[in-house]
Amino acid sequence: MERERLDFVDIATRPESHLALVRLAVSRGIPAICQKPMAAEWADAVAMTEAAEAARIPLMIHENWRWQPWYRAARSRIEAGDIGQPLAYSFVTRRNDGGGGRPYPNQPYFSGMPRLLIHETLVHHIDTARFLFGDIDSVFALARRVNPAIAGEDRALVVVAHRAAVEGVIDGHRFLDPIPDGPVMGEAAFEGDRGRIHILSTGDLYLDGRTVWSNNVSAGYRGDSVGATQRHFVECLTSGRPFESAARSYLGTFGAVEAAYRSLAGLRVVTMTEILGDV
């Protein structure tokens, strides 16, 4: 950073280092895009946001799930009124890499994370739900550890209520692959008072049983969602448009993750007012 003239930095390290690296970047006036999970804990996420805002330096969280093309197609259908008034949704996420004495072979450090499935995986679905249905009002969660070889939870149900009077269930574990397997890492359904959208694990989108969008994207990661996320970041930097997942906005997602863990600790519904009230 001292030697080079950088247009931006891409922070792709583990969450524990994000706060220090964001502070380093913004202290030098360099915009940053930072991988999810946003931070190791809620206080760090708030501090990252405040550091960027105080320096007036753009900071975006790299949240690629909302950029998967099947979810963009679903949002277009929902906005067009194809399901009527949205009422409910569900995400079922699966991947068979969490069992045995050496789980998560692609990311073995997962095994030592005290917060795991909600913090690392289901955060994607929480953010996608916000993308589709707006801000979250409250969260209730149930979770447990199945594999004794890890530190954190690896089975979870998260119930989310949105301000727009839509409720959803996010159901996750990593002990089975979807059938058929595919880039979605599970399935999703979105229901309204006049119709239902179903996204298969293949990425194909159905409206009331009829195919309305076929997944033909074979390049990149999960529908080239990482490429789309990075293009959005660069386009916003050059145009001055706001990021979809700017740090301040993304506190609504990371705050819902924090609400889920507070729910687990107290076996209660946690409102987002409790999390975001002083931010």
C-alpha atoms as a PDB file:
ATOM      1  CA  MET A   1       0.000   0.000   0.000  1.00  0.00           C
ATOM      2  CA  GLU A   2       2.918   2.339   0.593  1.00  0.00           C
ATOM      3  CA  ARG A   3       4.661   1.474  -2.682  1.00  0.00           C
ATOM      4  CA  GLU A   4       1.737   1.153  -5.101  1.00  0.00           C
ATOM      5  CA  ARG A   5      -1.050   3.429  -6.329  1.00  0.00           C
ATOM      6  CA  LEU A   6      -4.065   1.186  -5.867  1.00  0.00           C
ATOM      7  CA  ASP A   7      -7.579   1.639  -7.227  1.00  0.00           C
ATOM      8  CA  PHE A   8      -8.940  -0.617  -4.466  1.00  0.00           C
ATOM      9  CA  VAL A   9      -8.056  -3.566  -2.262  1.00  0.00           C
ATOM     10  CA  ASP A  10      -9.859  -6.902  -2.106  1.00  0.00           C
ATOM     11  CA  ILE A  11      -9.744  -8.289   1.438  1.00  0.00           C
ATOM     12  CA  ALA A  12     -10.040 -12.073   1.138  1.00  0.00           C
ATOM     13  CA  THR A  13      -8.630 -13.103   4.506  1.00  0.00           C
ATOM     14  CA  ARG A  14     -10.389 -14.750   7.439  1.00  0.00           C
ATOM     15  CA  PRO A  15     -12.871 -12.655   9.445  1.00  0.00           C
ATOM     16  CA  GLU A  16     -10.596 -12.042  12.438  1.00  0.00           C
ATOM     17  CA  SER A  17      -8.312  -9.804  10.337  1.00  0.00           C
ATOM     18  CA  HIS A  18     -10.981  -7.794   8.508  1.00  0.00           C
ATOM     19  CA  LEU A  19     -11.226  -4.873  10.928  1.00  0.00           C
ATOM     20  CA  ALA A  20      -7.479  -4.226  10.947  1.00  0.00           C
ATOM     21  CA  LEU A  21      -7.208  -4.491   7.168  1.00  0.00           C
ATOM     22  CA  VAL A  22     -10.204  -2.232   6.532  1.00  0.00           C
ATOM     23  CA  ARG A  23      -8.704   0.350   8.872  1.00  0.00           C
ATOM     24  CA  LEU A  24      -5.386   0.040   7.025  1.00  0.00           C
ATOM     25  CA  ALA A  25      -7.023   0.566   3.634  1.00  0.00           C
ATOM     26  CA  VAL A  26      -9.257   3.490   4.556  1.00  0.00           C
ATOM     27  CA  SER A  27      -6.433   5.219   6.446  1.00  0.00           C
ATOM     28  CA  ARG A  28      -4.678   5.420   3.080  1.00  0.00           C
ATOM     29  CA  GLY A  29      -7.786   6.530   1.228  1.00  0.00           C
ATOM     30  CA  ILE A  30      -8.185   3.238  -0.668  1.00  0.00           C
ATOM     31  CA  PRO A  31     -11.669   1.760  -1.347  1.00  0.00           C
ATOM     32  CA  ALA A  32     -12.131  -1.839  -0.265  1.00  0.00           C
ATOM     33  CA  ILE A  33     -14.274  -4.868  -0.947  1.00  0.00           C
ATOM     34  CA  CYS A  34     -14.243  -7.289   1.987  1.00  0.00           C
ATOM     35  CA  GLN A  35     -15.213 -10.964   1.996  1.00  0.00           C
ATOM     36  CA  LYS A  36     -17.990 -12.362   4.135  1.00  0.00           C
ATOM     37  CA  PRO A  37     -18.345 -13.180   6.986  1.00  0.00           C
ATOM     38  CA  MET A  38     -18.035  -9.453   7.501  1.00  0.00           C
ATOM     39  CA  ALA A  39     -16.184  -9.792  10.802  1.00  0.00           C
ATOM     40  CA  ALA A  40     -15.511 -12.208  13.634  1.00  0.00           C
ATOM     41  CA  GLU A  41     -18.035 -10.435  15.870  1.00  0.00           C
ATOM     42  CA  TRP A  42     -20.700  -7.734  15.780  1.00  0.00           C
ATOM     43  CA  ALA A  43     -18.612  -4.989  17.402  1.00  0.00           C
ATOM     44  CA  ASP A  44     -15.916  -5.403  14.736  1.00  0.00           C
ATOM     45  CA  ALA A  45     -18.481  -5.110  11.931  1.00  0.00           C
ATOM     46  CA  VAL A  46     -19.763  -1.845  13.384  1.00  0.00           C
ATOM     47  CA  ALA A  47     -16.197  -0.557  13.813  1.00  0.00           C
ATOM     48  CA  MET A  48     -15.358  -1.399  10.182  1.00  0.00           C
ATOM     49  CA  THR A  49     -18.385   0.514   8.961  1.00  0.00           C
ATOM     50  CA  GLU A  50     -17.664   3.519  11.135  1.00  0.00           C
ATOM     51  CA  ALA A  51     -13.996   3.615  10.079  1.00  0.00           C
ATOM     52  CA  ALA A  52     -14.910   3.695   6.386  1.00  0.00           C
ATOM     53  CA  GLU A  53     -17.600   6.322   6.900  1.00  0.00           C
ATOM     54  CA  ALA A  54     -15.344   8.528   9.007  1.00  0.00           C
ATOM     55  CA  ALA A  55     -12.725   8.448   6.238  1.00  0.00           C
ATOM     56  CA  ARG A  56     -15.413   8.797   3.520  1.00  0.00           C
ATOM     57  CA  ILE A  57     -13.978   5.780   1.731  1.00  0.00           C
ATOM     58  CA  PRO A  58     -16.241   3.246  -0.049  1.00  0.00           C
ATOM     59  CA  LEU A  59     -16.471  -0.163   1.611  1.00  0.00           C
ATOM     60  CA  MET A  60     -18.476  -3.041   0.152  1.00  0.00           C
ATOM     61  CA  ILE A  61     -18.977  -6.523   1.587  1.00  0.00           C
ATOM     62  CA  HIS A  62     -18.434  -9.298  -0.947  1.00  0.00           C
ATOM     63  CA  GLU A  63     -21.774 -11.113  -0.666  1.00  0.00           C
ATOM     64  CA  ASN A  64     -22.157 -13.099  -3.878  1.00  0.00           C
ATOM     65  CA  TRP A  65     -25.261 -15.212  -3.166  1.00  0.00           C
ATOM     66  CA  ARG A  66     -27.675 -12.421  -4.109  1.00  0.00           C
ATOM     67  CA  TRP A  67     -25.838 -12.225  -7.454  1.00  0.00           C
ATOM     68  CA  GLN A  68     -26.619 -15.805  -8.401  1.00  0.00           C
ATOM     69  CA  PRO A  69     -28.680 -15.408 -11.582  1.00  0.00           C
ATOM     70  CA  TRP A  70     -31.583 -17.616 -10.454  1.00  0.00           C
ATOM     71  CA  TYR A  71     -32.199 -15.289  -7.491  1.00  0.00           C
ATOM     72  CA  ARG A  72     -32.016 -12.229  -9.766  1.00  0.00           C
ATOM     73  CA  ALA A  73     -34.584 -13.940 -12.029  1.00  0.00           C
ATOM     74  CA  ALA A  74     -36.792 -14.758  -9.039  1.00  0.00           C
ATOM     75  CA  ARG A  75     -36.729 -11.157  -7.867  1.00  0.00           C
ATOM     76  CA  SER A  76     -37.803  -9.963 -11.332  1.00  0.00           C
ATOM     77  CA  ARG A  77     -40.736 -12.384 -11.223  1.00  0.00           C
ATOM     78  CA  ILE A  78     -41.731 -11.329  -7.716  1.00  0.00           C
ATOM     79  CA  GLU A  79     -41.541  -7.635  -8.627  1.00  0.00           C
ATOM     80  CA  ALA A  80     -43.646  -8.308 -11.733  1.00  0.00           C
ATOM     81  CA  GLY A  81     -46.384  -9.676  -9.485  1.00  0.00           C
ATOM     82  CA  ASP A  82     -46.184 -13.274 -10.691  1.00  0.00           C
ATOM     83  CA  ILE A  83     -46.814 -14.702  -7.213  1.00  0.00           C
ATOM     84  CA  GLY A  84     -49.044 -11.872  -6.018  1.00  0.00           C
ATOM     85  CA  GLN A  85     -48.450 -10.564  -2.522  1.00  0.00           C
ATOM     86  CA  PRO A  86     -45.409 -12.389  -1.065  1.00  0.00           C
ATOM     87  CA  LEU A  87     -46.246 -14.387   2.036  1.00  0.00           C
ATOM     88  CA  ALA A  88     -43.552 -16.941   2.832  1.00  0.00           C
ATOM     89  CA  TYR A  89     -40.288 -18.490   1.675  1.00  0.00           C
ATOM     90  CA  SER A  90     -37.912 -21.311   2.436  1.00  0.00           C
ATOM     91  CA  PHE A  91     -34.269 -22.075   1.750  1.00  0.00           C
ATOM     92  CA  VAL A  92     -32.992 -25.639   2.156  1.00  0.00           C
ATOM     93  CA  THR A  93     -29.204 -25.732   1.928  1.00  0.00           C
ATOM     94  CA  ARG A  94     -27.175 -28.920   1.779  1.00  0.00           C
ATOM     95  CA  ARG A  95     -23.633 -30.034   1.014  1.00  0.00           C
ATOM     96  CA  ASN A  96     -21.976 -33.288   1.987  1.00  0.00           C
ATOM     97  CA  ASP A  97     -18.649 -32.103   3.376  1.00  0.00           C
ATOM     98  CA  GLY A  98     -19.280 -31.800   7.120  1.00  0.00           C
ATOM     99  CA  GLY A  99     -18.899 -35.357   8.376  1.00  0.00           C
ATOM    100  CA  GLY A 100     -16.044 -37.457   9.697  1.00  0.00           C
ATOM    101  CA  GLY A 101     -12.882 -36.609  11.574  1.00  0.00           C
ATOM    102  CA  ARG A 102     -11.595 -34.192   8.933  1.00  0.00           C
ATOM    103  CA  PRO A 103     -14.641 -32.242   7.728  1.00  0.00           C
ATOM    104  CA  TYR A 104     -14.681 -29.331   5.268  1.00  0.00           C
ATOM    105  CA  PRO A 105     -11.618 -30.431   3.267  1.00  0.00           C
ATOM    106  CA  ASN A 106     -11.687 -27.326   1.070  1.00  0.00           C
ATOM    107  CA  GLN A 107     -11.788 -25.010   4.102  1.00  0.00           C
ATOM    108  CA  PRO A 108     -10.498 -27.041   7.066  1.00  0.00           C
ATOM    109  CA  TYR A 109     -10.287 -23.980   9.319  1.00  0.00           C
ATOM    110  CA  PHE A 110     -14.099 -24.192   9.554  1.00  0.00           C
ATOM    111  CA  SER A 111     -13.592 -26.924  12.153  1.00  0.00           C
ATOM    112  CA  GLY A 112     -12.211 -24.481  14.710  1.00  0.00           C
ATOM    113  CA  MET A 113     -14.772 -21.708  14.253  1.00  0.00           C
ATOM    114  CA  PRO A 114     -16.930 -21.249  17.383  1.00  0.00           C
ATOM    115  CA  ARG A 115     -19.714 -19.853  15.197  1.00  0.00           C
ATOM    116  CA  LEU A 116     -20.005 -21.878  12.031  1.00  0.00           C
ATOM    117  CA  LEU A 117     -23.087 -22.771  10.003  1.00  0.00           C
ATOM    118  CA  ILE A 118     -25.137 -19.597  10.491  1.00  0.00           C
ATOM    119  CA  HIS A 119     -22.088 -17.324  10.528  1.00  0.00           C
ATOM    120  CA  GLU A 120     -20.383 -18.831   7.483  1.00  0.00           C
ATOM    121  CA  THR A 121     -23.096 -20.399   5.298  1.00  0.00           C
ATOM    122  CA  LEU A 122     -26.632 -19.344   6.213  1.00  0.00           C
ATOM    123  CA  VAL A 123     -25.586 -15.692   6.193  1.00  0.00           C
ATOM    124  CA  HIS A 124     -25.808 -16.045   2.396  1.00  0.00           C
ATOM    125  CA  HIS A 125     -29.477 -16.965   2.585  1.00  0.00           C
ATOM    126  CA  ILE A 126     -30.252 -14.280   5.136  1.00  0.00           C
ATOM    127  CA  ASP A 127     -28.787 -11.692   2.786  1.00  0.00           C
ATOM    128  CA  THR A 128     -30.626 -13.137  -0.225  1.00  0.00           C
ATOM    129  CA  ALA A 129     -33.870 -12.944   1.746  1.00  0.00           C
ATOM    130  CA  ARG A 130     -33.167  -9.262   2.431  1.00  0.00           C
ATOM    131  CA  PHE A 131     -32.469  -8.756  -1.285  1.00  0.00           C
ATOM    132  CA  LEU A 132     -35.834 -10.334  -2.168  1.00  0.00           C
ATOM    133  CA  PHE A 133     -38.098  -9.159   0.655  1.00  0.00           C
ATOM    134  CA  GLY A 134     -36.455  -6.181   2.342  1.00  0.00           C
ATOM    135  CA  ASP A 135     -35.318  -5.462   5.869  1.00  0.00           C
ATOM    136  CA  ILE A 136     -35.670  -8.013   8.642  1.00  0.00           C
ATOM    137  CA  ASP A 137     -37.751  -7.353  11.742  1.00  0.00           C
ATOM    138  CA  SER A 138     -36.941 -10.349  13.964  1.00  0.00           C
ATOM    139  CA  VAL A 139     -35.109 -13.681  14.100  1.00  0.00           C
ATOM    140  CA  PHE A 140     -35.567 -16.965  15.963  1.00  0.00           C
ATOM    141  CA  ALA A 141     -32.996 -19.758  15.669  1.00  0.00           C
ATOM    142  CA  LEU A 142     -32.416 -23.340  16.718  1.00  0.00           C
ATOM    143  CA  ALA A 143     -29.014 -24.950  16.203  1.00  0.00           C
ATOM    144  CA  ARG A 144     -26.781 -27.724  17.474  1.00  0.00           C
ATOM    145  CA  ARG A 145     -23.499 -29.475  16.816  1.00  0.00           C
ATOM    146  CA  VAL A 146     -23.733 -32.899  15.178  1.00  0.00           C
ATOM    147  CA  ASN A 147     -20.092 -33.650  14.354  1.00  0.00           C
ATOM    148  CA  PRO A 148     -17.997 -33.755  17.581  1.00  0.00           C
ATOM    149  CA  ALA A 149     -14.852 -33.032  15.548  1.00  0.00           C
ATOM    150  CA  ILE A 150     -15.795 -29.347  15.151  1.00  0.00           C
ATOM    151  CA  ALA A 151     -16.221 -26.401  17.515  1.00  0.00           C
ATOM    152  CA  GLY A 152     -19.331 -24.679  16.182  1.00  0.00           C
ATOM    153  CA  GLU A 153     -22.884 -25.523  15.133  1.00  0.00           C
ATOM    154  CA  ASP A 154     -23.423 -27.586  11.978  1.00  0.00           C
ATOM    155  CA  ARG A 155     -27.224 -27.951  11.997  1.00  0.00           C
ATOM    156  CA  ALA A 156     -29.561 -24.963  12.149  1.00  0.00           C
ATOM    157  CA  LEU A 157     -33.067 -23.670  11.514  1.00  0.00           C
ATOM    158  CA  VAL A 158     -33.495 -19.903  11.313  1.00  0.00           C
ATOM    159  CA  VAL A 159     -36.955 -18.312  11.233  1.00  0.00           C
ATOM    160  CA  VAL A 160     -36.940 -14.789   9.816  1.00  0.00           C
ATOM    161  CA  ALA A 161     -39.720 -12.199   9.873  1.00  0.00           C
ATOM    162  CA  HIS A 162     -39.491  -9.199   7.545  1.00  0.00           C
ATOM    163  CA  ARG A 163     -40.985  -5.743   7.986  1.00  0.00           C
ATOM    164  CA  ALA A 164     -42.956  -6.323   4.781  1.00  0.00           C
ATOM    165  CA  ALA A 165     -44.997  -9.070   6.515  1.00  0.00           C
ATOM    166  CA  VAL A 166     -43.134 -11.968   4.904  1.00  0.00           C
ATOM    167  CA  GLU A 167     -41.817 -14.877   6.973  1.00  0.00           C
ATOM    168  CA  GLY A 168     -39.225 -17.446   5.985  1.00  0.00           C
ATOM    169  CA  VAL A 169     -37.401 -20.532   7.193  1.00  0.00           C
ATOM    170  CA  ILE A 170     -33.730 -21.225   6.434  1.00  0.00           C
ATOM    171  CA  ASP A 171     -32.914 -24.915   6.963  1.00  0.00           C
ATOM    172  CA  GLY A 172     -29.262 -25.935   6.777  1.00  0.00           C
ATOM    173  CA  HIS A 173     -26.732 -28.693   7.370  1.00  0.00           C
ATOM    174  CA  ARG A 174     -23.725 -30.073   5.511  1.00  0.00           C
ATOM    175  CA  PHE A 175     -24.133 -33.870   5.655  1.00  0.00           C
ATOM    176  CA  LEU A 176     -25.972 -34.638   2.384  1.00  0.00           C
ATOM    177  CA  ASP A 177     -25.756 -33.429  -1.189  1.00  0.00           C
ATOM    178  CA  PRO A 178     -28.886 -32.158  -2.970  1.00  0.00           C
ATOM    179  CA  ILE A 179     -30.551 -34.534  -5.428  1.00  0.00           C
ATOM    180  CA  PRO A 180     -29.847 -33.733  -8.177  1.00  0.00           C
ATOM    181  CA  ASP A 181     -26.713 -31.871  -7.196  1.00  0.00           C
ATOM    182  CA  GLY A 182     -26.136 -28.438  -8.669  1.00  0.00           C
ATOM    183  CA  PRO A 183     -24.801 -24.926  -8.141  1.00  0.00           C
ATOM    184  CA  VAL A 184     -27.608 -23.736  -5.834  1.00  0.00           C
ATOM    185  CA  MET A 185     -26.353 -25.919  -2.935  1.00  0.00           C
ATOM    186  CA  GLY A 186     -29.976 -26.736  -2.119  1.00  0.00           C
ATOM    187  CA  GLU A 187     -33.401 -25.441  -3.108  1.00  0.00           C
ATOM    188  CA  ALA A 188     -35.585 -22.406  -2.500  1.00  0.00           C
ATOM    189  CA  ALA A 189     -39.294 -21.587  -2.669  1.00  0.00           C
ATOM    190  CA  PHE A 190     -41.093 -18.233  -2.610  1.00  0.00           C
ATOM    191  CA  GLU A 191     -44.860 -18.144  -2.108  1.00  0.00           C
ATOM    192  CA  GLY A 192     -47.450 -15.452  -2.540  1.00  0.00           C
ATOM    193  CA  ASP A 193     -51.230 -15.307  -2.467  1.00  0.00           C
ATOM    194  CA  ARG A 194     -51.427 -16.121  -6.196  1.00  0.00           C
ATOM    195  CA  GLY A 195     -48.458 -18.320  -7.010  1.00  0.00           C
ATOM    196  CA  ARG A 196     -45.244 -20.092  -6.074  1.00  0.00           C
ATOM    197  CA  ILE A 197     -41.679 -19.892  -7.396  1.00  0.00           C
ATOM    198  CA  HIS A 198     -39.495 -22.946  -6.913  1.00  0.00           C
ATOM    199  CA  ILE A 199     -35.738 -22.948  -7.580  1.00  0.00           C
ATOM    200  CA  LEU A 200     -34.207 -26.393  -7.981  1.00  0.00           C
ATOM    201  CA  SER A 201     -30.650 -27.268  -7.005  1.00  0.00           C
ATOM    202  CA  THR A 202     -29.814 -27.087 -10.732  1.00  0.00           C
ATOM    203  CA  GLY A 203     -30.692 -23.374 -10.779  1.00  0.00           C
ATOM    204  CA  ASP A 204     -33.792 -23.810 -12.935  1.00  0.00           C
ATOM    205  CA  LEU A 205     -36.749 -21.664 -11.890  1.00  0.00           C
ATOM    206  CA  TYR A 206     -40.359 -22.837 -11.929  1.00  0.00           C
ATOM    207  CA  LEU A 207     -43.533 -20.803 -11.520  1.00  0.00           C
ATOM    208  CA  ASP A 208     -46.456 -22.977 -10.429  1.00  0.00           C
ATOM    209  CA  GLY A 209     -44.732 -26.003 -11.938  1.00  0.00           C
ATOM    210  CA  ARG A 210     -43.924 -24.323 -15.258  1.00  0.00           C
ATOM    211  CA  THR A 211     -40.317 -23.598 -16.278  1.00  0.00           C
ATOM    212  CA  VAL A 212     -39.831 -19.837 -16.575  1.00  0.00           C
ATOM    213  CA  TRP A 213     -36.023 -19.582 -16.395  1.00  0.00           C
ATOM    214  CA  SER A 214     -33.438 -22.203 -17.255  1.00  0.00           C
ATOM    215  CA  ASN A 215     -29.947 -22.096 -15.857  1.00  0.00           C
ATOM    216  CA  ASN A 216     -27.487 -22.141 -18.747  1.00  0.00           C
ATOM    217  CA  VAL A 217     -24.628 -20.466 -16.858  1.00  0.00           C
ATOM    218  CA  SER A 218     -21.658 -22.794 -16.690  1.00  0.00           C
ATOM    219  CA  ALA A 219     -18.773 -20.350 -16.174  1.00  0.00           C
ATOM    220  CA  GLY A 220     -17.526 -19.097 -12.834  1.00  0.00           C
ATOM    221  CA  TYR A 221     -18.616 -19.857  -9.293  1.00  0.00           C
ATOM    222  CA  ARG A 222     -22.298 -20.740  -8.725  1.00  0.00           C
ATOM    223  CA  GLY A 223     -23.746 -18.936 -11.718  1.00  0.00           C
ATOM    224  CA  ASP A 224     -20.717 -16.652 -12.073  1.00  0.00           C
ATOM    225  CA  SER A 225     -21.926 -14.858  -8.956  1.00  0.00           C
ATOM    226  CA  VAL A 226     -18.414 -13.881  -7.852  1.00  0.00           C
ATOM    227  CA  GLY A 227     -17.761 -12.277 -11.240  1.00  0.00           C
ATOM    228  CA  ALA A 228     -21.078 -10.419 -11.017  1.00  0.00           C
ATOM    229  CA  THR A 229     -20.270  -9.210  -7.503  1.00  0.00           C
ATOM    230  CA  GLN A 230     -16.875  -7.893  -8.558  1.00  0.00           C
ATOM    231  CA  ARG A 231     -18.296  -6.220 -11.673  1.00  0.00           C
ATOM    232  CA  HIS A 232     -20.894  -4.486  -9.517  1.00  0.00           C
ATOM    233  CA  PHE A 233     -18.161  -3.243  -7.181  1.00  0.00           C
ATOM    234  CA  VAL A 234     -16.049  -1.803 -10.008  1.00  0.00           C
ATOM    235  CA  GLU A 235     -19.049  -0.290 -11.817  1.00  0.00           C
ATOM    236  CA  CYS A 236     -20.177   1.446  -8.633  1.00  0.00           C
ATOM    237  CA  LEU A 237     -16.663   2.746  -7.968  1.00  0.00           C
ATOM    238  CA  THR A 238     -16.465   4.273 -11.441  1.00  0.00           C
ATOM    239  CA  SER A 239     -20.040   5.601 -11.570  1.00  0.00           C
ATOM    240  CA  GLY A 240     -20.498   6.691  -7.954  1.00  0.00           C
ATOM    241  CA  ARG A 241     -23.659   4.579  -7.568  1.00  0.00           C
ATOM    242  CA  PRO A 242     -24.210   2.969  -4.161  1.00  0.00           C
ATOM    243  CA  PHE A 243     -23.213  -0.652  -3.601  1.00  0.00           C
ATOM    244  CA  GLU A 244     -26.012  -3.144  -3.004  1.00  0.00           C
ATOM    245  CA  SER A 245     -24.011  -4.545  -0.089  1.00  0.00           C
ATOM    246  CA  ALA A 246     -22.321  -1.412   1.200  1.00  0.00           C
ATOM    247  CA  ALA A 247     -21.029  -1.878   4.729  1.00  0.00           C
ATOM    248  CA  ARG A 248     -23.769   0.204   6.351  1.00  0.00           C
ATOM    249  CA  SER A 249     -26.515  -1.641   4.494  1.00  0.00           C
ATOM    250  CA  TYR A 250     -24.894  -5.003   5.142  1.00  0.00           C
ATOM    251  CA  LEU A 251     -25.121  -4.450   8.884  1.00  0.00           C
ATOM    252  CA  GLY A 252     -28.758  -5.467   8.347  1.00  0.00           C
ATOM    253  CA  THR A 253     -27.540  -8.895   7.229  1.00  0.00           C
ATOM    254  CA  PHE A 254     -24.723  -9.333   9.734  1.00  0.00           C
ATOM    255  CA  GLY A 255     -26.999  -7.984  12.453  1.00  0.00           C
ATOM    256  CA  ALA A 256     -29.503 -10.735  11.658  1.00  0.00           C
ATOM    257  CA  VAL A 257     -26.709 -13.273  12.121  1.00  0.00           C
ATOM    258  CA  GLU A 258     -25.946 -11.705  15.500  1.00  0.00           C
ATOM    259  CA  ALA A 259     -29.661 -11.873  16.319  1.00  0.00           C
ATOM    260  CA  ALA A 260     -29.673 -15.596  15.498  1.00  0.00           C
ATOM    261  CA  TYR A 261     -26.876 -16.281  17.983  1.00  0.00           C
ATOM    262  CA  ARG A 262     -28.546 -14.193  20.671  1.00  0.00           C
ATOM    263  CA  SER A 263     -31.707 -16.178  19.982  1.00  0.00           C
ATOM    264  CA  LEU A 264     -29.784 -19.422  20.479  1.00  0.00           C
ATOM    265  CA  ALA A 265     -28.304 -18.168  23.738  1.00  0.00           C
ATOM    266  CA  GLY A 266     -31.651 -17.147  25.190  1.00  0.00           C
ATOM    267  CA  LEU A 267     -34.073 -19.407  23.296  1.00  0.00           C
ATOM    268  CA  ARG A 268     -36.112 -16.371  22.313  1.00  0.00           C
ATOM    269  CA  VAL A 269     -37.150 -14.177  19.405  1.00  0.00           C
ATOM    270  CA  VAL A 270     -34.663 -11.334  18.924  1.00  0.00           C
ATOM    271  CA  THR A 271     -35.741  -8.123  17.216  1.00  0.00           C
ATOM    272  CA  MET A 272     -33.455  -6.209  14.910  1.00  0.00           C
ATOM    273  CA  THR A 273     -34.157  -3.106  17.002  1.00  0.00           C
ATOM    274  CA  GLU A 274     -32.183  -4.775  19.793  1.00  0.00           C
ATOM    275  CA  ILE A 275     -29.219  -5.258  17.448  1.00  0.00           C
ATOM    276  CA  LEU A 276     -29.304  -2.080  15.387  1.00  0.00           C
ATOM    277  CA  GLY A 277     -30.783   0.287  17.933  1.00  0.00           C
ATOM    278  CA  ASP A 278     -27.564   2.125  18.777  1.00  0.00           C
ATOM    279  CA  VAL A 279     -25.822   1.809  15.393  1.00  0.00           C
END
